[in-house]
N, C-alpha and C. Protein backbone atom coordinates (compact mmCIF):
# COMPACT_ATOMS: atom_id res chain seq x y z
N MET A 1 56.21 -48.88 12.33
CA MET A 1 56.51 -49.41 11.07
C MET A 1 55.27 -49.60 10.19
N LYS A 2 54.16 -49.99 10.78
CA LYS A 2 52.86 -50.06 10.09
C LYS A 2 52.44 -48.68 9.52
N ARG A 3 52.65 -47.69 10.32
CA ARG A 3 52.22 -46.35 9.96
C ARG A 3 53.16 -45.83 8.80
N ARG A 4 54.35 -46.16 8.69
CA ARG A 4 55.25 -45.78 7.60
C ARG A 4 54.83 -46.47 6.29
N GLU A 5 54.44 -47.78 6.50
CA GLU A 5 53.98 -48.56 5.28
C GLU A 5 52.69 -47.98 4.73
N ARG A 6 51.79 -47.55 5.62
CA ARG A 6 50.42 -47.05 5.30
C ARG A 6 50.71 -45.71 4.61
N THR A 7 51.58 -44.88 5.09
CA THR A 7 51.98 -43.60 4.40
C THR A 7 52.49 -43.78 3.01
N ARG A 8 53.37 -44.73 2.96
CA ARG A 8 53.91 -44.94 1.60
C ARG A 8 52.90 -45.44 0.64
N GLN A 9 51.92 -46.24 1.08
CA GLN A 9 50.87 -46.79 0.20
C GLN A 9 49.96 -45.63 -0.15
N LEU A 10 49.65 -44.66 0.72
CA LEU A 10 48.82 -43.63 0.36
C LEU A 10 49.47 -42.61 -0.64
N ILE A 11 50.76 -42.43 -0.53
CA ILE A 11 51.51 -41.58 -1.35
C ILE A 11 51.58 -42.20 -2.78
N GLU A 12 51.77 -43.52 -2.86
CA GLU A 12 51.86 -44.18 -4.16
C GLU A 12 50.46 -44.13 -4.85
N LEU A 13 49.32 -44.36 -4.02
CA LEU A 13 48.06 -44.23 -4.67
C LEU A 13 47.78 -42.83 -5.09
N GLY A 14 48.17 -41.86 -4.37
CA GLY A 14 47.99 -40.41 -4.91
C GLY A 14 48.73 -40.19 -6.13
N GLY A 15 49.94 -40.86 -6.30
CA GLY A 15 50.75 -40.79 -7.45
C GLY A 15 49.97 -41.40 -8.62
N LEU A 16 49.24 -42.42 -8.35
CA LEU A 16 48.53 -43.06 -9.53
C LEU A 16 47.42 -42.05 -9.96
N VAL A 17 46.79 -41.45 -9.00
CA VAL A 17 45.75 -40.52 -9.43
C VAL A 17 46.31 -39.34 -10.22
N ALA A 18 47.53 -38.95 -9.92
CA ALA A 18 48.22 -37.92 -10.64
C ALA A 18 48.65 -38.41 -12.06
N LYS A 19 49.14 -39.68 -12.00
CA LYS A 19 49.62 -40.25 -13.30
C LYS A 19 48.52 -40.43 -14.26
N ALA A 20 47.28 -40.66 -13.79
CA ALA A 20 46.17 -40.77 -14.73
C ALA A 20 45.57 -39.42 -15.10
N ASP A 21 46.27 -38.35 -14.75
CA ASP A 21 45.80 -37.06 -15.04
C ASP A 21 44.48 -36.59 -14.50
N LEU A 22 44.05 -37.31 -13.47
CA LEU A 22 42.73 -37.03 -12.86
C LEU A 22 42.75 -35.70 -12.22
N ILE A 23 43.85 -35.25 -11.69
CA ILE A 23 43.84 -33.97 -10.95
C ILE A 23 43.69 -32.84 -12.00
N GLU A 24 44.40 -32.88 -13.08
CA GLU A 24 44.29 -31.87 -14.09
C GLU A 24 42.96 -31.96 -14.77
N LEU A 25 42.55 -33.18 -15.15
CA LEU A 25 41.32 -33.31 -15.93
C LEU A 25 40.05 -32.90 -15.10
N THR A 26 40.08 -32.97 -13.84
CA THR A 26 38.92 -32.61 -13.01
C THR A 26 39.12 -31.19 -12.41
N GLY A 27 40.23 -30.49 -12.77
CA GLY A 27 40.40 -29.16 -12.09
C GLY A 27 40.65 -29.31 -10.64
N ASP A 28 41.26 -30.37 -10.15
CA ASP A 28 41.52 -30.76 -8.81
C ASP A 28 40.26 -30.64 -7.97
N ASP A 29 39.19 -31.15 -8.56
CA ASP A 29 37.86 -31.14 -7.90
C ASP A 29 37.78 -32.59 -7.10
N ARG A 30 38.03 -32.53 -5.85
CA ARG A 30 38.14 -33.82 -5.12
C ARG A 30 36.80 -34.51 -4.97
N ALA A 31 35.74 -33.80 -5.05
CA ALA A 31 34.37 -34.43 -4.97
C ALA A 31 34.26 -35.24 -6.41
N VAL A 32 34.70 -34.76 -7.49
CA VAL A 32 34.68 -35.50 -8.73
C VAL A 32 35.49 -36.74 -8.73
N ILE A 33 36.78 -36.51 -8.21
CA ILE A 33 37.67 -37.64 -8.08
C ILE A 33 37.06 -38.76 -7.14
N LEU A 34 36.59 -38.34 -6.05
CA LEU A 34 35.98 -39.28 -5.12
C LEU A 34 34.73 -40.00 -5.79
N GLY A 35 33.93 -39.21 -6.54
CA GLY A 35 32.88 -39.86 -7.34
C GLY A 35 33.28 -40.80 -8.30
N LEU A 36 34.40 -40.62 -8.94
CA LEU A 36 34.95 -41.61 -9.92
C LEU A 36 35.31 -42.85 -9.20
N LEU A 37 35.94 -42.70 -8.07
CA LEU A 37 36.45 -43.87 -7.33
C LEU A 37 35.26 -44.62 -6.76
N VAL A 38 34.25 -43.89 -6.36
CA VAL A 38 33.04 -44.63 -5.74
C VAL A 38 32.28 -45.36 -6.93
N GLU A 39 32.28 -44.78 -8.08
CA GLU A 39 31.75 -45.45 -9.15
C GLU A 39 32.53 -46.70 -9.56
N ALA A 40 33.79 -46.64 -9.55
CA ALA A 40 34.68 -47.77 -9.85
C ALA A 40 34.37 -48.87 -8.73
N ALA A 41 34.23 -48.54 -7.52
CA ALA A 41 33.97 -49.46 -6.48
C ALA A 41 32.62 -50.06 -6.70
N ALA A 42 31.67 -49.33 -7.08
CA ALA A 42 30.24 -49.98 -7.38
C ALA A 42 30.39 -50.97 -8.43
N THR A 43 31.17 -50.64 -9.55
CA THR A 43 31.41 -51.54 -10.64
C THR A 43 32.08 -52.95 -10.05
N LEU A 44 32.93 -52.70 -9.21
CA LEU A 44 33.66 -53.96 -8.73
C LEU A 44 32.76 -54.75 -7.83
N ARG A 45 31.64 -54.16 -7.39
CA ARG A 45 30.72 -54.93 -6.57
C ARG A 45 29.62 -55.59 -7.43
N SER A 46 29.66 -55.35 -8.72
CA SER A 46 28.66 -55.84 -9.70
C SER A 46 29.14 -57.10 -10.33
N GLU A 47 28.26 -57.66 -11.21
CA GLU A 47 28.50 -58.81 -12.00
C GLU A 47 29.59 -58.59 -12.98
N ALA A 48 29.86 -57.36 -13.31
CA ALA A 48 30.81 -57.11 -14.32
C ALA A 48 32.22 -56.96 -13.77
N ARG A 49 32.46 -57.36 -12.48
CA ARG A 49 33.65 -57.22 -11.84
C ARG A 49 34.86 -57.84 -12.64
N GLU A 50 34.86 -59.06 -12.98
CA GLU A 50 35.94 -59.70 -13.58
C GLU A 50 36.34 -59.06 -14.85
N ARG A 51 35.35 -58.85 -15.77
CA ARG A 51 35.58 -58.21 -17.06
C ARG A 51 36.20 -56.85 -16.85
N GLN A 52 35.61 -56.02 -15.90
CA GLN A 52 36.16 -54.69 -15.77
C GLN A 52 37.54 -54.69 -15.15
N LEU A 53 37.80 -55.64 -14.18
CA LEU A 53 39.24 -55.71 -13.73
C LEU A 53 40.15 -56.01 -14.80
N THR A 54 39.76 -56.92 -15.70
CA THR A 54 40.69 -57.31 -16.86
C THR A 54 40.95 -56.11 -17.71
N LEU A 55 39.90 -55.33 -18.10
CA LEU A 55 39.99 -54.20 -18.85
C LEU A 55 40.94 -53.19 -18.24
N TRP A 56 40.62 -52.82 -16.97
CA TRP A 56 41.36 -51.75 -16.25
C TRP A 56 42.85 -52.23 -16.02
N ARG A 57 43.08 -53.43 -15.78
CA ARG A 57 44.42 -54.04 -15.60
C ARG A 57 45.28 -53.76 -16.95
N ARG A 58 44.66 -54.20 -18.05
CA ARG A 58 45.30 -53.99 -19.29
C ARG A 58 45.66 -52.53 -19.63
N ARG A 59 44.78 -51.68 -19.36
CA ARG A 59 44.92 -50.28 -19.59
C ARG A 59 46.07 -49.63 -18.71
N GLY A 60 46.00 -50.20 -17.44
CA GLY A 60 47.08 -49.78 -16.53
C GLY A 60 48.43 -50.25 -16.87
N GLN A 61 48.50 -51.50 -17.30
CA GLN A 61 49.78 -52.08 -17.76
C GLN A 61 50.33 -51.28 -19.01
N ARG A 62 49.41 -50.99 -19.93
CA ARG A 62 49.81 -50.16 -21.09
C ARG A 62 50.24 -48.75 -20.70
N ALA A 63 49.54 -48.19 -19.73
CA ALA A 63 50.02 -46.83 -19.26
C ALA A 63 51.46 -46.93 -18.62
N PHE A 64 51.62 -47.94 -17.80
CA PHE A 64 52.93 -48.12 -17.20
C PHE A 64 54.08 -48.28 -18.19
N ALA A 65 53.66 -49.15 -19.28
CA ALA A 65 54.63 -49.45 -20.36
C ALA A 65 54.95 -48.15 -21.15
N ASP A 66 53.95 -47.38 -21.38
CA ASP A 66 54.15 -46.16 -22.12
C ASP A 66 54.99 -45.15 -21.46
N ASP A 67 54.81 -45.07 -20.04
CA ASP A 67 55.64 -44.32 -19.27
C ASP A 67 57.22 -44.74 -19.25
N LEU A 68 57.39 -45.97 -19.24
CA LEU A 68 58.71 -46.49 -19.37
C LEU A 68 59.30 -46.20 -20.68
N SER A 69 58.54 -46.39 -21.78
CA SER A 69 59.00 -46.03 -23.12
C SER A 69 59.31 -44.57 -23.24
N ALA A 70 58.52 -43.75 -22.70
CA ALA A 70 58.73 -42.28 -22.83
C ALA A 70 59.97 -41.89 -22.03
N ASP A 71 60.13 -42.44 -20.83
CA ASP A 71 61.44 -42.24 -20.03
C ASP A 71 62.65 -42.67 -20.83
N ALA A 72 62.50 -43.81 -21.41
CA ALA A 72 63.71 -44.32 -22.17
C ALA A 72 64.13 -43.47 -23.35
N THR A 73 63.15 -42.92 -24.03
CA THR A 73 63.41 -42.06 -25.25
C THR A 73 63.82 -40.68 -24.86
N SER A 74 63.47 -40.24 -23.65
CA SER A 74 63.69 -38.86 -23.25
C SER A 74 65.09 -38.81 -22.50
N SER A 75 65.63 -39.91 -22.13
CA SER A 75 66.96 -39.89 -21.41
C SER A 75 68.07 -39.55 -22.35
N PRO A 76 69.06 -38.73 -21.82
CA PRO A 76 70.17 -38.24 -22.65
C PRO A 76 71.13 -39.42 -22.91
């Protein structure tokens, strides 16, 4: 059961990378994508953590809302 949950989590996280267009924007360069994630992790270890989390959370919520709006308008 734990393995299935972990697999689902990894698939969902990969979906977020795709949803952010990081695959296309980086030309599927996995070193660049990992570098972006390492940079984000470094920011989360810094004093700017809370401010950056708030900013990223708001952007993420807007992106999810935009996707829902786009889905609603494109449905027949």
